[in-house]
Each structure stands twice: as structure tokens, then as C-alpha cells.
């Protein structure tokens, strides 16, 4: 069972006791509408990442590129590993 299904279940149970508040309804809509999508890294993204990572910290690069901090740090690590593999 995923987080979306759990949220809907609990909202249904809560509705049996009382009506959802507007804030609760809005939160539920956000959870239901949220679609997780995987953004692939293109060669252009890699070049931008390399350029920006020399100029600013990972969290600033992530904000600039519209990605998560984790995604940027993970990609930098993978690019470094690829570079080391090519040197061998």
C-alpha cells in the first residue's frame, strides 16, 4: 500500500466522523494529484551541473536546476565515478 492509498483511506475514515476541513481537503487533493516522475539526466544537464557545481554548493545548484538536493549530489557522485572509470 502506498502513501496515496493510505491518505485516502484515513480521509475516508475521518469523513465518517466529521467533514474534512478545507485545509484537510486541500492536503488530500495534493496527495492524490501528486504524480512522482523520474527526470532523466541529459548530456546538457550534466554539462550544466558540472559548470554550476564549480560555482555554488549542491543545494543552490539543485534549486537552480529544479531538482532535489539528493538528486544533484547523487549525479555529481556518479559523474565522478564515471570519470575515474575512464581513467583506468
Protein backbone atom coordinates (compact mmCIF):
# COMPACT_ATOMS: atom_id res chain seq x y z
CA UNK A 1 0.00 0.00 0.00
CA UNK A 2 1.45 3.37 -0.99
CA UNK A 3 1.23 6.72 0.77
CA UNK A 4 -1.52 7.92 -1.57
CA UNK A 5 -3.75 4.94 -0.77
CA UNK A 6 -3.12 5.35 2.96
CA UNK A 7 -4.03 9.05 2.87
CA UNK A 8 -7.27 8.32 1.01
CA UNK A 9 -8.16 5.54 3.44
CA UNK A 10 -7.66 7.73 6.51
CA UNK A 11 -9.56 10.61 4.90
CA UNK A 12 -12.47 8.26 4.24
CA UNK A 13 -12.41 7.06 7.84
CA UNK A 14 -12.28 10.63 9.13
CA UNK A 15 -15.23 11.60 6.92
CA UNK A 16 -17.31 9.00 8.75
CA UNK A 17 -16.81 11.02 11.96
CA UNK A 18 -16.85 14.55 10.59
CA UNK A 19 -16.44 16.57 7.42
CA UNK A 20 -12.93 17.39 6.28
CA UNK A 21 -11.84 20.98 6.81
CA UNK A 22 -10.89 22.99 3.72
CA UNK A 23 -7.21 22.67 4.67
CA UNK A 24 -7.52 18.89 5.06
CA UNK A 25 -9.34 18.63 1.72
CA UNK A 26 -6.62 20.65 0.03
CA UNK A 27 -3.89 18.44 1.52
CA UNK A 28 -5.72 15.34 0.37
CA UNK A 29 -6.05 16.74 -3.16
CA UNK A 30 -2.32 17.45 -3.27
CA UNK A 31 -1.51 13.90 -2.21
CA UNK A 32 -3.91 12.37 -4.72
CA UNK A 33 -2.80 14.58 -7.61
CA UNK A 34 0.90 14.21 -6.89
CA UNK A 35 2.50 12.09 -9.53
CA UNK A 36 6.02 11.02 -8.97
CA UNK A 37 8.00 11.32 -12.14
CA UNK A 38 11.56 10.47 -12.80
CA UNK A 39 13.57 13.16 -14.51
CA UNK A 40 16.37 11.69 -16.56
CA UNK A 41 19.71 13.45 -16.80
CA UNK A 42 20.65 14.56 -20.30
CA UNK A 43 24.13 15.41 -21.55
CA UNK A 44 23.13 19.08 -21.46
CA UNK A 45 22.04 18.68 -17.81
CA UNK A 46 25.40 17.08 -17.00
CA UNK A 47 27.29 19.99 -18.57
CA UNK A 48 25.16 22.50 -16.67
CA UNK A 49 25.68 20.55 -13.46
CA UNK A 50 29.46 20.48 -13.91
CA UNK A 51 29.56 24.21 -14.61
CA UNK A 52 27.29 25.20 -11.73
CA UNK A 53 28.87 22.83 -9.19
CA UNK A 54 32.16 24.69 -9.59
CA UNK A 55 30.42 27.96 -8.72
CA UNK A 56 27.93 27.10 -5.96
CA UNK A 57 27.03 24.45 -3.37
CA UNK A 58 24.82 21.48 -4.24
CA UNK A 59 21.64 22.89 -2.65
CA UNK A 60 21.95 26.06 -4.76
CA UNK A 61 22.61 24.02 -7.90
CA UNK A 62 19.53 21.92 -7.14
CA UNK A 63 17.35 24.99 -6.78
CA UNK A 64 18.74 26.49 -10.00
CA UNK A 65 18.16 23.29 -11.97
CA UNK A 66 14.76 22.45 -10.44
CA UNK A 67 15.98 19.21 -8.89
CA UNK A 68 16.32 17.88 -5.37
CA UNK A 69 19.50 18.22 -3.32
CA UNK A 70 19.78 14.43 -3.21
CA UNK A 71 19.45 14.15 -6.99
CA UNK A 72 22.22 16.68 -7.60
CA UNK A 73 24.60 15.15 -5.06
CA UNK A 74 23.95 11.66 -6.40
CA UNK A 75 24.54 12.74 -10.00
CA UNK A 76 27.80 14.52 -9.09
CA UNK A 77 28.97 11.33 -7.36
CA UNK A 78 28.04 9.19 -10.39
CA UNK A 79 29.81 11.54 -12.79
CA UNK A 80 32.94 11.39 -10.63
CA UNK A 81 32.78 7.58 -10.66
CA UNK A 82 32.39 7.56 -14.45
CA UNK A 83 35.41 9.85 -14.74
CA UNK A 84 37.53 7.56 -12.56
CA UNK A 85 36.44 4.52 -14.60
CA UNK A 86 37.57 6.19 -17.83
CA UNK A 87 41.00 6.96 -16.37
CA UNK A 88 41.71 3.27 -15.66
